[in-house]
Amino acid sequence: AVLVNVGRGQVVDEDALYEALSSGQLLGAGVDCWYKYPTSVASRQCTPVSDRLDFASLPNLVLSPHRAGAVGLPRTEQARMHCLAKLCNAAVEGGVWTMPNRVDMAKGY
């Protein structure tokens, strides 16, 4: 199973999500809303997901900058959905390691 949360971080139990991703109970998760938002865009000192758990170390977690609700031009939205479908298919077919555009946490993007 893959979990996608585009609503609010607190809708999903933080500890349960971390455990399910760490243990492999969940194939992966896409999180567009976080438990703790960065206090400063320029600061790399804060953990943008959790105060307590190292979500950034999980290779099967995709983070996005809380943009799921943004409305764009119809062609932009269609292109966005096409890219999302490619990511989901790549995760299902080859696992999270084959997903394109993975975030490099060491580089911060």
C-alpha atoms as a PDB file:
ATOM      1  CA  ALA A   1       0.000   0.000   0.000  1.00  0.00           C
ATOM      2  CA  VAL A   2       0.992   3.605  -0.556  1.00  0.00           C
ATOM      3  CA  LEU A   3      -0.318   6.438   1.620  1.00  0.00           C
ATOM      4  CA  VAL A   4      -0.844   9.928   0.234  1.00  0.00           C
ATOM      5  CA  ASN A   5      -1.685  12.745   2.644  1.00  0.00           C
ATOM      6  CA  VAL A   6      -2.485  16.126   1.122  1.00  0.00           C
ATOM      7  CA  GLY A   7      -4.710  17.381   3.957  1.00  0.00           C
ATOM      8  CA  ARG A   8      -3.116  17.940   7.352  1.00  0.00           C
ATOM      9  CA  GLY A   9      -0.167  16.209   8.975  1.00  0.00           C
ATOM     10  CA  GLN A  10      -2.093  15.398  12.122  1.00  0.00           C
ATOM     11  CA  VAL A  11      -4.669  13.343  10.166  1.00  0.00           C
ATOM     12  CA  VAL A  12      -2.127  10.496  10.109  1.00  0.00           C
ATOM     13  CA  ASP A  13      -0.558   9.192  13.312  1.00  0.00           C
ATOM     14  CA  GLU A  14       3.094  10.283  13.077  1.00  0.00           C
ATOM     15  CA  ASP A  15       4.547   7.326  15.004  1.00  0.00           C
ATOM     16  CA  ALA A  16       2.439   4.768  13.120  1.00  0.00           C
ATOM     17  CA  LEU A  17       3.445   6.218   9.742  1.00  0.00           C
ATOM     18  CA  TYR A  18       7.142   6.180  10.626  1.00  0.00           C
ATOM     19  CA  GLU A  19       6.937   2.592  11.885  1.00  0.00           C
ATOM     20  CA  ALA A  20       4.978   1.390   8.841  1.00  0.00           C
ATOM     21  CA  LEU A  21       7.484   2.997   6.449  1.00  0.00           C
ATOM     22  CA  SER A  22      10.528   1.791   8.424  1.00  0.00           C
ATOM     23  CA  SER A  23       9.287  -1.784   8.650  1.00  0.00           C
ATOM     24  CA  GLY A  24       8.134  -1.998   5.045  1.00  0.00           C
ATOM     25  CA  GLN A  25       4.505  -2.473   6.036  1.00  0.00           C
ATOM     26  CA  LEU A  26       3.837   0.449   3.670  1.00  0.00           C
ATOM     27  CA  LEU A  27       5.577   0.450   0.279  1.00  0.00           C
ATOM     28  CA  GLY A  28       5.755   4.207   0.459  1.00  0.00           C
ATOM     29  CA  ALA A  29       4.081   7.463   1.308  1.00  0.00           C
ATOM     30  CA  GLY A  30       3.606  10.836  -0.304  1.00  0.00           C
ATOM     31  CA  VAL A  31       3.284  13.659   2.189  1.00  0.00           C
ATOM     32  CA  ASP A  32       2.259  17.133   1.066  1.00  0.00           C
ATOM     33  CA  CYS A  33       1.569  18.389   4.593  1.00  0.00           C
ATOM     34  CA  TRP A  34       3.909  18.111   7.510  1.00  0.00           C
ATOM     35  CA  TYR A  35       3.766  17.727  11.276  1.00  0.00           C
ATOM     36  CA  LYS A  36       6.242  20.574  11.759  1.00  0.00           C
ATOM     37  CA  TYR A  37       6.824  23.270   9.181  1.00  0.00           C
ATOM     38  CA  PRO A  38      10.283  24.845   8.786  1.00  0.00           C
ATOM     39  CA  THR A  39      10.669  28.027  10.781  1.00  0.00           C
ATOM     40  CA  SER A  40      12.804  29.561   8.057  1.00  0.00           C
ATOM     41  CA  VAL A  41      13.240  28.719   4.403  1.00  0.00           C
ATOM     42  CA  ALA A  42      16.904  29.675   4.651  1.00  0.00           C
ATOM     43  CA  SER A  43      17.470  27.564   7.760  1.00  0.00           C
ATOM     44  CA  ARG A  44      18.573  23.991   7.232  1.00  0.00           C
ATOM     45  CA  GLN A  45      18.728  23.428  10.983  1.00  0.00           C
ATOM     46  CA  CYS A  46      15.079  22.440  11.368  1.00  0.00           C
ATOM     47  CA  THR A  47      13.562  19.106  10.435  1.00  0.00           C
ATOM     48  CA  PRO A  48      10.632  19.894   8.153  1.00  0.00           C
ATOM     49  CA  VAL A  49       8.597  16.820   8.981  1.00  0.00           C
ATOM     50  CA  SER A  50       8.837  15.878  12.638  1.00  0.00           C
ATOM     51  CA  ASP A  51      10.386  17.076  15.875  1.00  0.00           C
ATOM     52  CA  ARG A  52      11.068  13.522  17.000  1.00  0.00           C
ATOM     53  CA  LEU A  53      11.388  11.108  14.076  1.00  0.00           C
ATOM     54  CA  ASP A  54      13.920  11.027  11.239  1.00  0.00           C
ATOM     55  CA  PHE A  55      11.521  10.865   8.287  1.00  0.00           C
ATOM     56  CA  ALA A  56      14.230  12.326   6.021  1.00  0.00           C
ATOM     57  CA  SER A  57      16.225   9.090   6.314  1.00  0.00           C
ATOM     58  CA  LEU A  58      13.396   7.007   4.844  1.00  0.00           C
ATOM     59  CA  PRO A  59      13.944   6.161   1.167  1.00  0.00           C
ATOM     60  CA  ASN A  60      10.257   5.319   0.667  1.00  0.00           C
ATOM     61  CA  LEU A  61       8.891   8.757   1.560  1.00  0.00           C
ATOM     62  CA  VAL A  62       8.169  11.490  -0.967  1.00  0.00           C
ATOM     63  CA  LEU A  63       7.787  15.022   0.414  1.00  0.00           C
ATOM     64  CA  SER A  64       6.243  17.936  -1.404  1.00  0.00           C
ATOM     65  CA  PRO A  65       6.010  21.583  -0.319  1.00  0.00           C
ATOM     66  CA  HIS A  66       2.279  21.661   0.519  1.00  0.00           C
ATOM     67  CA  ARG A  67       1.231  22.520  -3.027  1.00  0.00           C
ATOM     68  CA  ALA A  68      -1.386  19.821  -3.687  1.00  0.00           C
ATOM     69  CA  GLY A  69      -4.218  22.328  -3.359  1.00  0.00           C
ATOM     70  CA  ALA A  70      -2.738  24.912  -5.700  1.00  0.00           C
ATOM     71  CA  VAL A  71      -4.807  25.455  -8.809  1.00  0.00           C
ATOM     72  CA  GLY A  72      -2.982  26.058 -12.057  1.00  0.00           C
ATOM     73  CA  LEU A  73      -3.892  26.273 -15.689  1.00  0.00           C
ATOM     74  CA  PRO A  74      -5.699  23.187 -17.012  1.00  0.00           C
ATOM     75  CA  ARG A  75      -2.614  22.118 -19.005  1.00  0.00           C
ATOM     76  CA  THR A  76      -0.404  22.582 -15.959  1.00  0.00           C
ATOM     77  CA  GLU A  77      -2.722  20.467 -13.841  1.00  0.00           C
ATOM     78  CA  GLN A  78      -2.837  17.781 -16.540  1.00  0.00           C
ATOM     79  CA  ALA A  79       0.978  17.726 -16.735  1.00  0.00           C
ATOM     80  CA  ARG A  80       1.208  17.537 -12.932  1.00  0.00           C
ATOM     81  CA  MET A  81      -1.144  14.543 -12.833  1.00  0.00           C
ATOM     82  CA  HIS A  82       0.823  12.847 -15.624  1.00  0.00           C
ATOM     83  CA  CYS A  83       4.052  13.225 -13.610  1.00  0.00           C
ATOM     84  CA  LEU A  84       2.359  11.984 -10.446  1.00  0.00           C
ATOM     85  CA  ALA A  85       1.079   8.922 -12.305  1.00  0.00           C
ATOM     86  CA  LYS A  86       4.627   8.218 -13.557  1.00  0.00           C
ATOM     87  CA  LEU A  87       5.955   8.405  -9.983  1.00  0.00           C
ATOM     88  CA  CYS A  88       3.258   6.080  -8.648  1.00  0.00           C
ATOM     89  CA  ASN A  89       3.787   3.589 -11.477  1.00  0.00           C
ATOM     90  CA  ALA A  90       7.555   3.626 -10.949  1.00  0.00           C
ATOM     91  CA  ALA A  91       7.072   2.924  -7.232  1.00  0.00           C
ATOM     92  CA  VAL A  92       4.732   0.016  -7.910  1.00  0.00           C
ATOM     93  CA  GLU A  93       6.720  -1.480 -10.782  1.00  0.00           C
ATOM     94  CA  GLY A  94      10.265  -1.098  -9.536  1.00  0.00           C
ATOM     95  CA  GLY A  95      10.106   0.073  -5.951  1.00  0.00           C
ATOM     96  CA  VAL A  96      11.014   3.450  -4.529  1.00  0.00           C
ATOM     97  CA  TRP A  97      14.644   3.181  -5.654  1.00  0.00           C
ATOM     98  CA  THR A  98      13.668   3.611  -9.312  1.00  0.00           C
ATOM     99  CA  MET A  99      11.519   6.683  -8.774  1.00  0.00           C
ATOM    100  CA  PRO A 100      12.641   9.715 -10.803  1.00  0.00           C
ATOM    101  CA  ASN A 101      13.395  13.103  -9.208  1.00  0.00           C
ATOM    102  CA  ARG A 102      14.218  11.746  -5.753  1.00  0.00           C
ATOM    103  CA  VAL A 103      15.074  14.371  -3.151  1.00  0.00           C
ATOM    104  CA  ASP A 104      18.729  14.484  -2.135  1.00  0.00           C
ATOM    105  CA  MET A 105      18.439  15.340   1.570  1.00  0.00           C
ATOM    106  CA  ALA A 106      22.170  16.125   1.794  1.00  0.00           C
ATOM    107  CA  LYS A 107      21.705  18.842  -0.840  1.00  0.00           C
ATOM    108  CA  GLY A 108      18.412  19.981   0.649  1.00  0.00           C
ATOM    109  CA  TYR A 109      16.333  19.554  -2.503  1.00  0.00           C
END
